[in-house]
Amino acid sequence: MTERRTFRSVAVPMAIWKPLQKIAKANNRSPAQQIAYLVDIAKDVPTDKQILQRYAAVLEKGAR
């Protein structure tokens, strides 16, 4: 039997669940594995504000 502290359940709105399933299927992952992958990537990413600032700077350089 799995230890209780190993996993947690997460509820996502159906509007998120359907695209999540498509993304996971395209990557040969379960939805849980896909969420784990996305979280693993996101943990090293700066805040949303910093991401938007960097993205804006890249767009500005491309417009030159």
PDB file of N, CA and C in Angstrom:
ATOM      1  N   MET A   1       0.847  -1.189   0.000  1.00  0.00           N
ATOM      2  CA  MET A   1       0.000   0.000   0.000  1.00  0.00           C
ATOM      3  C   MET A   1       0.886   1.244   0.000  1.00  0.00           C
ATOM      4  N   THR A   2       0.452   2.253  -0.723  1.00  0.00           N
ATOM      5  CA  THR A   2       1.191   3.507  -0.812  1.00  0.00           C
ATOM      6  C   THR A   2       1.092   4.271   0.498  1.00  0.00           C
ATOM      7  N   GLU A   3       2.213   4.825   0.903  1.00  0.00           N
ATOM      8  CA  GLU A   3       2.207   5.628   2.121  1.00  0.00           C
ATOM      9  C   GLU A   3       1.395   6.898   1.880  1.00  0.00           C
ATOM     10  N   ARG A   4       0.659   7.328   2.863  1.00  0.00           N
ATOM     11  CA  ARG A   4      -0.256   8.465   2.721  1.00  0.00           C
ATOM     12  C   ARG A   4       0.454   9.765   2.366  1.00  0.00           C
ATOM     13  N   ARG A   5       1.695   9.908   2.750  1.00  0.00           N
ATOM     14  CA  ARG A   5       2.406  11.162   2.500  1.00  0.00           C
ATOM     15  C   ARG A   5       3.067  11.211   1.126  1.00  0.00           C
ATOM     16  N   THR A   6       2.930  10.177   0.330  1.00  0.00           N
ATOM     17  CA  THR A   6       3.583  10.119  -0.967  1.00  0.00           C
ATOM     18  C   THR A   6       2.848  10.914  -2.031  1.00  0.00           C
ATOM     19  N   PHE A   7       1.509  10.912  -2.001  1.00  0.00           N
ATOM     20  CA  PHE A   7       0.711  11.573  -3.027  1.00  0.00           C
ATOM     21  C   PHE A   7      -0.354  12.456  -2.401  1.00  0.00           C
ATOM     22  N   ARG A   8      -0.776  13.458  -3.159  1.00  0.00           N
ATOM     23  CA  ARG A   8      -1.898  14.321  -2.787  1.00  0.00           C
ATOM     24  C   ARG A   8      -2.787  14.465  -4.010  1.00  0.00           C
ATOM     25  N   SER A   9      -4.045  14.657  -3.779  1.00  0.00           N
ATOM     26  CA  SER A   9      -4.990  14.899  -4.874  1.00  0.00           C
ATOM     27  C   SER A   9      -5.067  16.386  -5.159  1.00  0.00           C
ATOM     28  N   VAL A  10      -5.284  16.698  -6.418  1.00  0.00           N
ATOM     29  CA  VAL A  10      -5.429  18.086  -6.836  1.00  0.00           C
ATOM     30  C   VAL A  10      -6.668  18.174  -7.713  1.00  0.00           C
ATOM     31  N   ALA A  11      -7.496  19.151  -7.439  1.00  0.00           N
ATOM     32  CA  ALA A  11      -8.688  19.375  -8.262  1.00  0.00           C
ATOM     33  C   ALA A  11      -8.389  20.496  -9.243  1.00  0.00           C
ATOM     34  N   VAL A  12      -8.713  20.251 -10.504  1.00  0.00           N
ATOM     35  CA  VAL A  12      -8.562  21.294 -11.522  1.00  0.00           C
ATOM     36  C   VAL A  12      -9.898  21.452 -12.234  1.00  0.00           C
ATOM     37  N   PRO A  13     -10.229  22.665 -12.643  1.00  0.00           N
ATOM     38  CA  PRO A  13     -11.478  22.867 -13.382  1.00  0.00           C
ATOM     39  C   PRO A  13     -11.469  22.058 -14.681  1.00  0.00           C
ATOM     40  N   MET A  14     -12.629  21.650 -15.132  1.00  0.00           N
ATOM     41  CA  MET A  14     -12.739  20.880 -16.371  1.00  0.00           C
ATOM     42  C   MET A  14     -12.151  21.640 -17.551  1.00  0.00           C
ATOM     43  N   ALA A  15     -12.252  22.970 -17.514  1.00  0.00           N
ATOM     44  CA  ALA A  15     -11.679  23.784 -18.597  1.00  0.00           C
ATOM     45  C   ALA A  15     -10.161  23.608 -18.662  1.00  0.00           C
ATOM     46  N   ILE A  16      -9.536  23.236 -17.563  1.00  0.00           N
ATOM     47  CA  ILE A  16      -8.096  22.977 -17.521  1.00  0.00           C
ATOM     48  C   ILE A  16      -7.818  21.498 -17.763  1.00  0.00           C
ATOM     49  N   TRP A  17      -8.675  20.646 -17.244  1.00  0.00           N
ATOM     50  CA  TRP A  17      -8.473  19.199 -17.337  1.00  0.00           C
ATOM     51  C   TRP A  17      -8.404  18.712 -18.786  1.00  0.00           C
ATOM     52  N   LYS A  18      -9.289  19.211 -19.618  1.00  0.00           N
ATOM     53  CA  LYS A  18      -9.326  18.740 -21.007  1.00  0.00           C
ATOM     54  C   LYS A  18      -8.043  19.076 -21.760  1.00  0.00           C
ATOM     55  N   PRO A  19      -7.553  20.324 -21.710  1.00  0.00           N
ATOM     56  CA  PRO A  19      -6.266  20.604 -22.375  1.00  0.00           C
ATOM     57  C   PRO A  19      -5.103  19.852 -21.716  1.00  0.00           C
ATOM     58  N   LEU A  20      -5.170  19.680 -20.399  1.00  0.00           N
ATOM     59  CA  LEU A  20      -4.117  18.939 -19.692  1.00  0.00           C
ATOM     60  C   LEU A  20      -4.031  17.515 -20.226  1.00  0.00           C
ATOM     61  N   GLN A  21      -5.171  16.884 -20.420  1.00  0.00           N
ATOM     62  CA  GLN A  21      -5.187  15.520 -20.958  1.00  0.00           C
ATOM     63  C   GLN A  21      -4.573  15.476 -22.354  1.00  0.00           C
ATOM     64  N   LYS A  22      -4.885  16.451 -23.191  1.00  0.00           N
ATOM     65  CA  LYS A  22      -4.334  16.485 -24.545  1.00  0.00           C
ATOM     66  C   LYS A  22      -2.823  16.670 -24.520  1.00  0.00           C
ATOM     67  N   ILE A  23      -2.347  17.578 -23.674  1.00  0.00           N
ATOM     68  CA  ILE A  23      -0.909  17.815 -23.554  1.00  0.00           C
ATOM     69  C   ILE A  23      -0.210  16.562 -23.045  1.00  0.00           C
ATOM     70  N   ALA A  24      -0.788  15.956 -22.017  1.00  0.00           N
ATOM     71  CA  ALA A  24      -0.197  14.749 -21.433  1.00  0.00           C
ATOM     72  C   ALA A  24      -0.148  13.621 -22.459  1.00  0.00           C
ATOM     73  N   LYS A  25      -1.229  13.429 -23.189  1.00  0.00           N
ATOM     74  CA  LYS A  25      -1.278  12.362 -24.192  1.00  0.00           C
ATOM     75  C   LYS A  25      -0.231  12.591 -25.275  1.00  0.00           C
ATOM     76  N   ALA A  26      -0.080  13.835 -25.718  1.00  0.00           N
ATOM     77  CA  ALA A  26       0.909  14.158 -26.750  1.00  0.00           C
ATOM     78  C   ALA A  26       2.331  13.865 -26.282  1.00  0.00           C
ATOM     79  N   ASN A  27       2.543  13.890 -24.979  1.00  0.00           N
ATOM     80  CA  ASN A  27       3.871  13.645 -24.403  1.00  0.00           C
ATOM     81  C   ASN A  27       3.997  12.271 -23.757  1.00  0.00           C
ATOM     82  N   ASN A  28       3.018  11.410 -24.005  1.00  0.00           N
ATOM     83  CA  ASN A  28       3.018  10.054 -23.433  1.00  0.00           C
ATOM     84  C   ASN A  28       3.150  10.056 -21.918  1.00  0.00           C
ATOM     85  N   ARG A  29       2.402  10.960 -21.283  1.00  0.00           N
ATOM     86  CA  ARG A  29       2.388  11.063 -19.828  1.00  0.00           C
ATOM     87  C   ARG A  29       0.955  10.963 -19.331  1.00  0.00           C
ATOM     88  N   SER A  30       0.828  10.634 -18.055  1.00  0.00           N
ATOM     89  CA  SER A  30      -0.473  10.736 -17.405  1.00  0.00           C
ATOM     90  C   SER A  30      -0.679  12.198 -17.037  1.00  0.00           C
ATOM     91  N   PRO A  31      -1.920  12.619 -16.759  1.00  0.00           N
ATOM     92  CA  PRO A  31      -2.109  14.002 -16.304  1.00  0.00           C
ATOM     93  C   PRO A  31      -1.264  14.328 -15.064  1.00  0.00           C
ATOM     94  N   ALA A  32      -1.158  13.384 -14.149  1.00  0.00           N
ATOM     95  CA  ALA A  32      -0.349  13.628 -12.948  1.00  0.00           C
ATOM     96  C   ALA A  32       1.125  13.817 -13.301  1.00  0.00           C
ATOM     97  N   GLN A  33       1.636  13.005 -14.213  1.00  0.00           N
ATOM     98  CA  GLN A  33       3.032  13.153 -14.640  1.00  0.00           C
ATOM     99  C   GLN A  33       3.246  14.473 -15.361  1.00  0.00           C
ATOM    100  N   GLN A  34       2.246  14.905 -16.138  1.00  0.00           N
ATOM    101  CA  GLN A  34       2.364  16.174 -16.859  1.00  0.00           C
ATOM    102  C   GLN A  34       2.391  17.341 -15.883  1.00  0.00           C
ATOM    103  N   ILE A  35       1.538  17.304 -14.877  1.00  0.00           N
ATOM    104  CA  ILE A  35       1.547  18.357 -13.852  1.00  0.00           C
ATOM    105  C   ILE A  35       2.904  18.376 -13.155  1.00  0.00           C
ATOM    106  N   ALA A  36       3.425  17.203 -12.798  1.00  0.00           N
ATOM    107  CA  ALA A  36       4.727  17.131 -12.134  1.00  0.00           C
ATOM    108  C   ALA A  36       5.816  17.730 -13.016  1.00  0.00           C
ATOM    109  N   TYR A  37       5.768  17.442 -14.315  1.00  0.00           N
ATOM    110  CA  TYR A  37       6.747  17.981 -15.255  1.00  0.00           C
ATOM    111  C   TYR A  37       6.657  19.509 -15.310  1.00  0.00           C
ATOM    112  N   LEU A  38       5.451  20.029 -15.430  1.00  0.00           N
ATOM    113  CA  LEU A  38       5.268  21.476 -15.513  1.00  0.00           C
ATOM    114  C   LEU A  38       5.714  22.183 -14.241  1.00  0.00           C
ATOM    115  N   VAL A  39       5.431  21.576 -13.109  1.00  0.00           N
ATOM    116  CA  VAL A  39       5.854  22.166 -11.833  1.00  0.00           C
ATOM    117  C   VAL A  39       7.371  22.135 -11.726  1.00  0.00           C
ATOM    118  N   ASP A  40       7.979  21.051 -12.177  1.00  0.00           N
ATOM    119  CA  ASP A  40       9.437  20.946 -12.137  1.00  0.00           C
ATOM    120  C   ASP A  40      10.084  22.055 -12.964  1.00  0.00           C
ATOM    121  N   ILE A  41       9.520  22.355 -14.102  1.00  0.00           N
ATOM    122  CA  ILE A  41      10.035  23.447 -14.935  1.00  0.00           C
ATOM    123  C   ILE A  41       9.784  24.795 -14.264  1.00  0.00           C
ATOM    124  N   ALA A  42       8.573  24.983 -13.736  1.00  0.00           N
ATOM    125  CA  ALA A  42       8.173  26.276 -13.178  1.00  0.00           C
ATOM    126  C   ALA A  42       8.932  26.648 -11.910  1.00  0.00           C
ATOM    127  N   LYS A  43       9.449  25.674 -11.187  1.00  0.00           N
ATOM    128  CA  LYS A  43      10.120  25.995  -9.923  1.00  0.00           C
ATOM    129  C   LYS A  43      11.372  26.826 -10.121  1.00  0.00           C
ATOM    130  N   ASP A  44      11.984  26.739 -11.300  1.00  0.00           N
ATOM    131  CA  ASP A  44      13.200  27.503 -11.579  1.00  0.00           C
ATOM    132  C   ASP A  44      12.927  28.795 -12.328  1.00  0.00           C
ATOM    133  N   VAL A  45      11.668  29.056 -12.611  1.00  0.00           N
ATOM    134  CA  VAL A  45      11.281  30.247 -13.359  1.00  0.00           C
ATOM    135  C   VAL A  45      11.014  31.379 -12.370  1.00  0.00           C
ATOM    136  N   PRO A  46      11.360  32.583 -12.738  1.00  0.00           N
ATOM    137  CA  PRO A  46      11.079  33.721 -11.856  1.00  0.00           C
ATOM    138  C   PRO A  46       9.570  33.965 -11.722  1.00  0.00           C
ATOM    139  N   THR A  47       9.227  35.012 -11.049  1.00  0.00           N
ATOM    140  CA  THR A  47       7.814  35.342 -10.837  1.00  0.00           C
ATOM    141  C   THR A  47       7.138  35.675 -12.165  1.00  0.00           C
ATOM    142  N   ASP A  48       5.813  35.664 -12.171  1.00  0.00           N
ATOM    143  CA  ASP A  48       5.050  36.002 -13.370  1.00  0.00           C
ATOM    144  C   ASP A  48       5.423  37.390 -13.886  1.00  0.00           C
ATOM    145  N   LYS A  49       5.566  38.324 -12.978  1.00  0.00           N
ATOM    146  CA  LYS A  49       5.908  39.700 -13.365  1.00  0.00           C
ATOM    147  C   LYS A  49       7.254  39.730 -14.077  1.00  0.00           C
ATOM    148  N   GLN A  50       8.238  39.008 -13.550  1.00  0.00           N
ATOM    149  CA  GLN A  50       9.559  38.977 -14.166  1.00  0.00           C
ATOM    150  C   GLN A  50       9.510  38.300 -15.542  1.00  0.00           C
ATOM    151  N   ILE A  51       8.721  37.259 -15.667  1.00  0.00           N
ATOM    152  CA  ILE A  51       8.581  36.578 -16.956  1.00  0.00           C
ATOM    153  C   ILE A  51       7.995  37.534 -17.991  1.00  0.00           C
ATOM    154  N   LEU A  52       6.955  38.261 -17.610  1.00  0.00           N
ATOM    155  CA  LEU A  52       6.336  39.212 -18.536  1.00  0.00           C
ATOM    156  C   LEU A  52       7.305  40.316 -18.935  1.00  0.00           C
ATOM    157  N   GLN A  53       8.113  40.782 -17.988  1.00  0.00           N
ATOM    158  CA  GLN A  53       9.094  41.817 -18.300  1.00  0.00           C
ATOM    159  C   GLN A  53      10.139  41.294 -19.278  1.00  0.00           C
ATOM    160  N   ARG A  54      10.601  40.069 -19.067  1.00  0.00           N
ATOM    161  CA  ARG A  54      11.596  39.478 -19.967  1.00  0.00           C
ATOM    162  C   ARG A  54      11.004  39.257 -21.353  1.00  0.00           C
ATOM    163  N   TYR A  55       9.772  38.790 -21.395  1.00  0.00           N
ATOM    164  CA  TYR A  55       9.095  38.551 -22.667  1.00  0.00           C
ATOM    165  C   TYR A  55       8.927  39.871 -23.425  1.00  0.00           C
ATOM    166  N   ALA A  56       8.544  40.914 -22.714  1.00  0.00           N
ATOM    167  CA  ALA A  56       8.391  42.227 -23.343  1.00  0.00           C
ATOM    168  C   ALA A  56       9.719  42.712 -23.889  1.00  0.00           C
ATOM    169  N   ALA A  57      10.821  42.487 -23.173  1.00  0.00           N
ATOM    170  CA  ALA A  57      12.132  42.907 -23.635  1.00  0.00           C
ATOM    171  C   ALA A  57      12.532  42.139 -24.896  1.00  0.00           C
ATOM    172  N   VAL A  58      12.209  40.859 -24.958  1.00  0.00           N
ATOM    173  CA  VAL A  58      12.525  40.068 -26.148  1.00  0.00           C
ATOM    174  C   VAL A  58      11.723  40.568 -27.338  1.00  0.00           C
ATOM    175  N   LEU A  59      10.449  40.851 -27.129  1.00  0.00           N
ATOM    176  CA  LEU A  59       9.614  41.376 -28.215  1.00  0.00           C
ATOM    177  C   LEU A  59      10.128  42.729 -28.692  1.00  0.00           C
ATOM    178  N   GLU A  60      10.562  43.556 -27.750  1.00  0.00           N
ATOM    179  CA  GLU A  60      11.063  44.876 -28.100  1.00  0.00           C
ATOM    180  C   GLU A  60      12.339  44.750 -28.945  1.00  0.00           C
ATOM    181  N   LYS A  61      13.220  43.834 -28.600  1.00  0.00           N
ATOM    182  CA  LYS A  61      14.450  43.619 -29.377  1.00  0.00           C
ATOM    183  C   LYS A  61      14.106  43.120 -30.781  1.00  0.00           C
ATOM    184  N   GLY A  62      13.093  42.266 -30.880  1.00  0.00           N
ATOM    185  CA  GLY A  62      12.690  41.741 -32.171  1.00  0.00           C
ATOM    186  C   GLY A  62      12.064  42.785 -33.068  1.00  0.00           C
ATOM    187  N   ALA A  63      11.490  43.833 -32.477  1.00  0.00           N
ATOM    188  CA  ALA A  63      10.841  44.886 -33.245  1.00  0.00           C
ATOM    189  C   ALA A  63      11.852  45.876 -33.818  1.00  0.00           C
ATOM    190  N   ARG A  64      13.068  45.836 -33.328  1.00  0.00           N
ATOM    191  CA  ARG A  64      14.101  46.784 -33.784  1.00  0.00           C
ATOM    192  C   ARG A  64      14.630  46.423 -35.136  1.00  0.00           C
TER     193      ARG A  64
END
